[in-house]
Amino acid sequence: MRRYHHLMDYSFLIIMLLAFAGLWFMSSRSRKQQREAADFRSNLAVGDEVMTGSGLFGTVTALEGDVVTLESTPGSSTRWLRAAIARRVDPVVADDAPDDEHAVVEDAPVVDVPDDLSSLPPEPPAARDEDRDTK
């Protein structure tokens, strides 16, 4: 009976050692990711294409300490905390060749759609329930 008691003590220690090692590896990986993100944010430059943590894409137009000014569309600038910048993205390259999906079809008929309902003919009055033949 004493022999099994020692085995249970060692197995508990082995389990604790494995748990500690797993936690240490996970925390070292997250520390590395945090360090890389901090390095990226400290090396931001005007003209970088970035994405914020909430998904806004923009171009860095100014850097003032912890504040980054992003231009998402021409003439639309917003200010963000440097910590809100999630990652750098590749700039969007305009494709000069039209896609087959969006190609203009020359033989398609042109349909004139009215801007309002005033040019449509009046709708006939709706039939009442009592006027209908339910048989």
N, C-alpha and C. Protein backbone atom coordinates (compact mmCIF):
# COMPACT_ATOMS: atom_id res chain seq x y z
N MET A 1 0.84 -1.19 0.00
CA MET A 1 0.00 0.00 0.00
C MET A 1 0.88 1.24 0.00
N ARG A 2 1.97 1.20 0.68
CA ARG A 2 2.88 2.33 0.76
C ARG A 2 3.52 2.61 -0.59
N ARG A 3 3.75 1.56 -1.34
CA ARG A 3 4.37 1.71 -2.65
C ARG A 3 3.48 2.53 -3.59
N TYR A 4 2.17 2.34 -3.57
CA TYR A 4 1.25 3.09 -4.42
C TYR A 4 1.11 4.53 -3.96
N HIS A 5 1.29 4.79 -2.70
CA HIS A 5 1.19 6.14 -2.16
C HIS A 5 2.27 7.03 -2.77
N HIS A 6 3.48 6.52 -2.96
CA HIS A 6 4.56 7.30 -3.57
C HIS A 6 4.28 7.57 -5.04
N LEU A 7 3.67 6.63 -5.74
CA LEU A 7 3.35 6.83 -7.14
C LEU A 7 2.33 7.94 -7.33
N MET A 8 1.35 8.03 -6.42
CA MET A 8 0.35 9.10 -6.51
C MET A 8 0.99 10.45 -6.25
N ASP A 9 1.96 10.55 -5.36
CA ASP A 9 2.64 11.81 -5.10
C ASP A 9 3.40 12.27 -6.33
N TYR A 10 4.11 11.37 -7.00
CA TYR A 10 4.87 11.73 -8.20
C TYR A 10 3.95 12.09 -9.36
N SER A 11 2.85 11.39 -9.51
CA SER A 11 1.94 11.69 -10.63
C SER A 11 1.32 13.08 -10.44
N PHE A 12 1.03 13.46 -9.21
CA PHE A 12 0.51 14.80 -8.95
C PHE A 12 1.55 15.85 -9.31
N LEU A 13 2.80 15.60 -8.94
CA LEU A 13 3.87 16.54 -9.27
C LEU A 13 4.07 16.64 -10.79
N ILE A 14 3.98 15.52 -11.49
CA ILE A 14 4.14 15.53 -12.95
C ILE A 14 3.01 16.33 -13.60
N ILE A 15 1.79 16.13 -13.13
CA ILE A 15 0.65 16.88 -13.67
C ILE A 15 0.83 18.37 -13.42
N MET A 16 1.26 18.73 -12.23
CA MET A 16 1.49 20.15 -11.91
C MET A 16 2.60 20.73 -12.78
N LEU A 17 3.66 19.96 -13.00
CA LEU A 17 4.77 20.42 -13.83
C LEU A 17 4.32 20.63 -15.27
N LEU A 18 3.52 19.72 -15.81
CA LEU A 18 3.00 19.86 -17.17
C LEU A 18 2.08 21.07 -17.28
N ALA A 19 1.22 21.30 -16.30
CA ALA A 19 0.33 22.45 -16.32
C ALA A 19 1.13 23.75 -16.27
N PHE A 20 2.15 23.80 -15.43
CA PHE A 20 2.99 24.99 -15.34
C PHE A 20 3.72 25.25 -16.66
N ALA A 21 4.25 24.19 -17.26
CA ALA A 21 4.96 24.33 -18.54
C ALA A 21 4.02 24.83 -19.64
N GLY A 22 2.80 24.30 -19.68
CA GLY A 22 1.82 24.75 -20.68
C GLY A 22 1.47 26.22 -20.50
N LEU A 23 1.24 26.64 -19.28
CA LEU A 23 0.94 28.06 -19.02
C LEU A 23 2.12 28.94 -19.39
N TRP A 24 3.33 28.50 -19.11
CA TRP A 24 4.50 29.30 -19.43
C TRP A 24 4.66 29.47 -20.94
N PHE A 25 4.45 28.38 -21.71
CA PHE A 25 4.57 28.47 -23.17
C PHE A 25 3.49 29.38 -23.76
N MET A 26 2.25 29.28 -23.24
CA MET A 26 1.17 30.13 -23.76
C MET A 26 1.44 31.60 -23.44
N SER A 27 1.91 31.88 -22.25
CA SER A 27 2.15 33.28 -21.88
C SER A 27 3.35 33.84 -22.63
N SER A 28 4.37 33.03 -22.90
CA SER A 28 5.51 33.55 -23.65
C SER A 28 5.12 33.85 -25.09
N ARG A 29 4.23 33.06 -25.67
CA ARG A 29 3.77 33.32 -27.03
C ARG A 29 2.95 34.61 -27.08
N SER A 30 2.06 34.81 -26.09
CA SER A 30 1.27 36.04 -26.08
C SER A 30 2.14 37.26 -25.80
N ARG A 31 3.18 37.11 -24.96
CA ARG A 31 4.11 38.23 -24.73
C ARG A 31 4.84 38.58 -26.01
N LYS A 32 5.22 37.58 -26.79
CA LYS A 32 5.90 37.81 -28.06
C LYS A 32 4.98 38.55 -29.02
N GLN A 33 3.71 38.15 -29.12
CA GLN A 33 2.76 38.81 -29.99
C GLN A 33 2.53 40.26 -29.55
N GLN A 34 2.44 40.49 -28.24
CA GLN A 34 2.25 41.85 -27.73
C GLN A 34 3.48 42.70 -28.05
N ARG A 35 4.66 42.14 -27.93
CA ARG A 35 5.89 42.87 -28.23
C ARG A 35 5.95 43.23 -29.71
N GLU A 36 5.57 42.28 -30.59
CA GLU A 36 5.56 42.55 -32.03
C GLU A 36 4.54 43.63 -32.38
N ALA A 37 3.35 43.60 -31.75
CA ALA A 37 2.34 44.62 -32.01
C ALA A 37 2.80 45.99 -31.54
N ALA A 38 3.47 46.05 -30.40
CA ALA A 38 3.98 47.33 -29.90
C ALA A 38 5.08 47.86 -30.82
N ASP A 39 5.95 46.98 -31.33
CA ASP A 39 6.98 47.41 -32.28
C ASP A 39 6.35 47.94 -33.56
N PHE A 40 5.32 47.26 -34.05
CA PHE A 40 4.63 47.70 -35.26
C PHE A 40 4.04 49.09 -35.06
N ARG A 41 3.35 49.29 -33.93
CA ARG A 41 2.70 50.59 -33.68
C ARG A 41 3.72 51.70 -33.51
N SER A 42 4.88 51.39 -32.91
CA SER A 42 5.88 52.44 -32.72
C SER A 42 6.57 52.80 -34.04
N ASN A 43 6.51 51.92 -35.04
CA ASN A 43 7.15 52.17 -36.33
C ASN A 43 6.18 52.63 -37.40
N LEU A 44 4.97 53.07 -37.02
CA LEU A 44 4.02 53.59 -38.01
C LEU A 44 4.61 54.82 -38.68
N ALA A 45 4.31 54.98 -39.96
CA ALA A 45 4.80 56.13 -40.71
C ALA A 45 3.67 56.70 -41.55
N VAL A 46 3.76 57.98 -41.86
CA VAL A 46 2.78 58.63 -42.71
C VAL A 46 2.79 57.92 -44.07
N GLY A 47 1.61 57.61 -44.57
CA GLY A 47 1.48 56.90 -45.84
C GLY A 47 1.20 55.42 -45.69
N ASP A 48 1.34 54.86 -44.48
CA ASP A 48 1.06 53.44 -44.26
C ASP A 48 -0.44 53.18 -44.38
N GLU A 49 -0.79 52.08 -45.05
CA GLU A 49 -2.17 51.61 -45.11
C GLU A 49 -2.38 50.69 -43.91
N VAL A 50 -3.38 51.00 -43.05
CA VAL A 50 -3.59 50.22 -41.83
C VAL A 50 -5.06 49.88 -41.66
N MET A 51 -5.32 48.96 -40.72
CA MET A 51 -6.67 48.62 -40.32
C MET A 51 -6.75 48.75 -38.81
N THR A 52 -7.82 49.36 -38.32
CA THR A 52 -8.00 49.49 -36.88
C THR A 52 -8.59 48.19 -36.33
N GLY A 53 -8.64 48.08 -35.02
CA GLY A 53 -9.22 46.91 -34.38
C GLY A 53 -10.70 46.74 -34.69
N SER A 54 -11.39 47.84 -35.02
CA SER A 54 -12.82 47.75 -35.34
C SER A 54 -13.07 47.53 -36.82
N GLY A 55 -12.00 47.47 -37.63
CA GLY A 55 -12.17 47.14 -39.04
C GLY A 55 -12.13 48.32 -40.00
N LEU A 56 -11.81 49.52 -39.54
CA LEU A 56 -11.72 50.67 -40.43
C LEU A 56 -10.38 50.64 -41.15
N PHE A 57 -10.42 50.78 -42.46
CA PHE A 57 -9.21 50.84 -43.26
C PHE A 57 -8.90 52.30 -43.55
N GLY A 58 -7.63 52.65 -43.50
CA GLY A 58 -7.27 54.03 -43.78
C GLY A 58 -5.78 54.17 -44.01
N THR A 59 -5.41 55.39 -44.42
CA THR A 59 -4.02 55.74 -44.65
C THR A 59 -3.58 56.70 -43.56
N VAL A 60 -2.43 56.45 -42.96
CA VAL A 60 -1.91 57.32 -41.91
C VAL A 60 -1.52 58.65 -42.57
N THR A 61 -2.11 59.76 -42.07
CA THR A 61 -1.78 61.08 -42.62
C THR A 61 -1.01 61.93 -41.62
N ALA A 62 -1.10 61.60 -40.33
CA ALA A 62 -0.36 62.37 -39.32
C ALA A 62 -0.15 61.51 -38.08
N LEU A 63 0.96 61.75 -37.39
CA LEU A 63 1.29 61.07 -36.13
C LEU A 63 1.63 62.14 -35.11
N GLU A 64 0.91 62.14 -33.99
CA GLU A 64 1.15 63.11 -32.92
C GLU A 64 1.16 62.37 -31.58
N GLY A 65 2.29 61.86 -31.18
CA GLY A 65 2.38 61.11 -29.92
C GLY A 65 1.59 59.82 -30.02
N ASP A 66 0.56 59.68 -29.15
CA ASP A 66 -0.28 58.48 -29.16
C ASP A 66 -1.49 58.61 -30.07
N VAL A 67 -1.61 59.70 -30.82
CA VAL A 67 -2.76 59.93 -31.70
C VAL A 67 -2.31 59.77 -33.15
N VAL A 68 -3.09 58.97 -33.89
CA VAL A 68 -2.82 58.72 -35.31
C VAL A 68 -4.02 59.25 -36.09
N THR A 69 -3.77 60.03 -37.11
CA THR A 69 -4.84 60.53 -37.97
C THR A 69 -4.89 59.66 -39.21
N LEU A 70 -6.09 59.11 -39.47
CA LEU A 70 -6.29 58.23 -40.63
C LEU A 70 -7.23 58.89 -41.61
N GLU A 71 -6.96 58.71 -42.89
CA GLU A 71 -7.86 59.17 -43.95
C GLU A 71 -8.45 57.92 -44.58
N SER A 72 -9.77 57.70 -44.35
CA SER A 72 -10.42 56.49 -44.87
C SER A 72 -10.89 56.70 -46.30
N THR A 73 -11.40 57.87 -46.61
CA THR A 73 -11.75 58.25 -47.98
C THR A 73 -11.17 59.63 -48.21
N PRO A 74 -10.94 60.02 -49.45
CA PRO A 74 -10.33 61.34 -49.68
C PRO A 74 -11.14 62.45 -49.01
N GLY A 75 -10.47 63.21 -48.15
CA GLY A 75 -11.10 64.32 -47.45
C GLY A 75 -11.77 63.96 -46.14
N SER A 76 -11.78 62.68 -45.76
CA SER A 76 -12.42 62.23 -44.52
C SER A 76 -11.36 61.70 -43.56
N SER A 77 -10.96 62.52 -42.59
CA SER A 77 -9.93 62.14 -41.64
C SER A 77 -10.53 61.92 -40.26
N THR A 78 -10.01 60.90 -39.57
CA THR A 78 -10.42 60.62 -38.19
C THR A 78 -9.18 60.40 -37.36
N ARG A 79 -9.31 60.69 -36.06
CA ARG A 79 -8.17 60.53 -35.14
C ARG A 79 -8.38 59.29 -34.29
N TRP A 80 -7.32 58.51 -34.11
CA TRP A 80 -7.37 57.24 -33.39
C TRP A 80 -6.20 57.17 -32.42
N LEU A 81 -6.41 56.44 -31.33
CA LEU A 81 -5.29 56.12 -30.46
C LEU A 81 -4.37 55.15 -31.19
N ARG A 82 -3.09 55.28 -30.98
CA ARG A 82 -2.12 54.41 -31.64
C ARG A 82 -2.40 52.94 -31.31
N ALA A 83 -2.87 52.67 -30.09
CA ALA A 83 -3.15 51.28 -29.66
C ALA A 83 -4.33 50.67 -30.41
N ALA A 84 -5.17 51.49 -31.05
CA ALA A 84 -6.33 50.98 -31.79
C ALA A 84 -5.96 50.46 -33.16
N ILE A 85 -4.74 50.74 -33.63
CA ILE A 85 -4.31 50.26 -34.94
C ILE A 85 -3.93 48.80 -34.81
N ALA A 86 -4.63 47.94 -35.56
CA ALA A 86 -4.44 46.49 -35.42
C ALA A 86 -3.32 45.96 -36.29
N ARG A 87 -3.29 46.37 -37.56
CA ARG A 87 -2.29 45.80 -38.45
C ARG A 87 -2.11 46.67 -39.69
N ARG A 88 -1.00 46.43 -40.37
CA ARG A 88 -0.72 47.11 -41.64
C ARG A 88 -1.31 46.25 -42.74
N VAL A 89 -1.89 46.89 -43.76
CA VAL A 89 -2.46 46.15 -44.87
C VAL A 89 -1.77 46.59 -46.15
N ASP A 90 -1.82 45.71 -47.14
CA ASP A 90 -1.26 46.06 -48.44
C ASP A 90 -2.18 47.07 -49.11
N PRO A 91 -1.62 48.08 -49.77
CA PRO A 91 -2.47 49.06 -50.45
C PRO A 91 -3.29 48.41 -51.56
N VAL A 92 -4.49 48.92 -51.76
CA VAL A 92 -5.38 48.39 -52.78
C VAL A 92 -4.88 48.85 -54.14
N VAL A 93 -4.75 47.89 -55.04
CA VAL A 93 -4.30 48.20 -56.40
C VAL A 93 -5.52 48.14 -57.31
N ALA A 94 -5.74 49.23 -58.06
CA ALA A 94 -6.88 49.25 -58.99
C ALA A 94 -6.61 48.32 -60.15
N ASP A 95 -7.60 47.52 -60.48
CA ASP A 95 -7.49 46.58 -61.60
C ASP A 95 -8.04 47.26 -62.84
N ASP A 96 -7.21 47.42 -63.85
CA ASP A 96 -7.62 48.12 -65.06
C ASP A 96 -8.52 47.26 -65.95
N ALA A 97 -8.37 45.95 -65.90
CA ALA A 97 -9.17 45.06 -66.74
C ALA A 97 -10.52 44.81 -66.08
N PRO A 98 -11.64 44.96 -66.83
CA PRO A 98 -12.95 44.71 -66.22
C PRO A 98 -13.14 43.22 -65.95
N ASP A 99 -13.86 42.93 -64.87
CA ASP A 99 -14.19 41.54 -64.55
C ASP A 99 -15.28 41.06 -65.50
N ASP A 100 -15.33 39.76 -65.73
CA ASP A 100 -16.39 39.20 -66.56
C ASP A 100 -17.75 39.39 -65.91
N GLU A 101 -17.78 39.36 -64.58
CA GLU A 101 -19.03 39.53 -63.84
C GLU A 101 -19.65 40.90 -64.08
N HIS A 102 -18.82 41.93 -64.10
CA HIS A 102 -19.30 43.31 -64.18
C HIS A 102 -19.13 43.91 -65.58
N ALA A 103 -18.89 43.08 -66.55
CA ALA A 103 -18.69 43.57 -67.91
C ALA A 103 -20.00 44.15 -68.45
N VAL A 104 -19.89 45.20 -69.21
CA VAL A 104 -21.06 45.85 -69.81
C VAL A 104 -21.47 45.04 -71.02
N VAL A 105 -22.75 44.71 -71.07
CA VAL A 105 -23.29 43.96 -72.19
C VAL A 105 -23.89 44.97 -73.15
N GLU A 106 -23.40 44.99 -74.38
CA GLU A 106 -23.84 45.98 -75.36
C GLU A 106 -25.26 45.73 -75.85
N ASP A 107 -25.71 44.47 -75.91
CA ASP A 107 -27.01 44.14 -76.47
C ASP A 107 -28.13 44.13 -75.45
N ALA A 108 -27.87 44.51 -74.23
CA ALA A 108 -28.90 44.48 -73.19
C ALA A 108 -29.91 45.59 -73.44
N PRO A 109 -31.22 45.28 -73.29
CA PRO A 109 -32.24 46.33 -73.50
C PRO A 109 -32.17 47.37 -72.39
N VAL A 110 -32.44 48.60 -72.73
CA VAL A 110 -32.44 49.69 -71.77
C VAL A 110 -33.85 49.83 -71.22
N VAL A 111 -34.00 49.79 -69.91
CA VAL A 111 -35.29 49.89 -69.25
C VAL A 111 -35.33 51.23 -68.53
N ASP A 112 -36.39 52.00 -68.79
CA ASP A 112 -36.55 53.30 -68.15
C ASP A 112 -37.33 53.09 -66.85
N VAL A 113 -36.72 53.37 -65.73
CA VAL A 113 -37.36 53.21 -64.43
C VAL A 113 -37.74 54.59 -63.93
N PRO A 114 -39.04 54.80 -63.59
CA PRO A 114 -39.46 56.13 -63.12
C PRO A 114 -38.86 56.44 -61.75
N ASP A 115 -38.63 57.73 -61.49
CA ASP A 115 -38.10 58.17 -60.21
C ASP A 115 -39.14 58.14 -59.10
N ASP A 116 -40.40 58.30 -59.47
CA ASP A 116 -41.45 58.28 -58.45
C ASP A 116 -42.66 57.53 -59.01
N LEU A 117 -43.70 57.40 -58.21
CA LEU A 117 -44.88 56.63 -58.60
C LEU A 117 -45.90 57.43 -59.38
N SER A 118 -45.67 58.74 -59.59
CA SER A 118 -46.68 59.57 -60.23
C SER A 118 -46.90 59.20 -61.69
N SER A 119 -45.91 58.61 -62.34
CA SER A 119 -46.07 58.26 -63.75
C SER A 119 -46.67 56.87 -63.96
N LEU A 120 -46.89 56.12 -62.90
CA LEU A 120 -47.48 54.79 -63.03
C LEU A 120 -49.00 54.89 -63.10
N PRO A 121 -49.64 53.95 -63.79
CA PRO A 121 -51.11 53.99 -63.84
C PRO A 121 -51.69 53.67 -62.45
N PRO A 122 -52.90 54.20 -62.17
CA PRO A 122 -53.49 53.93 -60.85
C PRO A 122 -53.80 52.45 -60.68
N GLU A 123 -53.69 51.98 -59.45
CA GLU A 123 -53.94 50.58 -59.13
C GLU A 123 -55.45 50.39 -58.97
N PRO A 124 -55.99 49.27 -59.48
CA PRO A 124 -57.44 49.05 -59.30
C PRO A 124 -57.77 48.87 -57.82
N PRO A 125 -58.98 49.26 -57.45
CA PRO A 125 -59.35 49.12 -56.02
C PRO A 125 -59.33 47.66 -55.60
N ALA A 126 -58.97 47.43 -54.36
CA ALA A 126 -58.89 46.08 -53.83
C ALA A 126 -60.28 45.53 -53.59
N ALA A 127 -60.46 44.25 -53.87
CA ALA A 127 -61.76 43.61 -53.64
C ALA A 127 -61.95 43.36 -52.15
N ARG A 128 -63.17 43.57 -51.68
CA ARG A 128 -63.47 43.32 -50.27
C ARG A 128 -63.79 41.85 -50.07
N ASP A 129 -63.69 41.39 -48.83
CA ASP A 129 -63.97 39.99 -48.52
C ASP A 129 -65.42 39.63 -48.82
N GLU A 130 -66.32 40.57 -48.57
CA GLU A 130 -67.74 40.26 -48.77
C GLU A 130 -68.10 40.19 -50.25
N ASP A 131 -67.28 40.84 -51.12
CA ASP A 131 -67.55 40.81 -52.56
C ASP A 131 -67.04 39.53 -53.21
N ARG A 132 -66.18 38.82 -52.56
CA ARG A 132 -65.61 37.62 -53.15
C ARG A 132 -66.55 36.43 -53.02
N ASP A 133 -66.47 35.57 -53.98
CA ASP A 133 -67.25 34.34 -53.93
C ASP A 133 -66.40 33.29 -53.24
N THR A 134 -66.80 32.85 -52.05
CA THR A 134 -66.01 31.93 -51.26
C THR A 134 -66.40 30.49 -51.46
N LYS A 135 -67.33 30.20 -52.34
CA LYS A 135 -67.78 28.83 -52.52
C LYS A 135 -66.93 28.07 -53.45
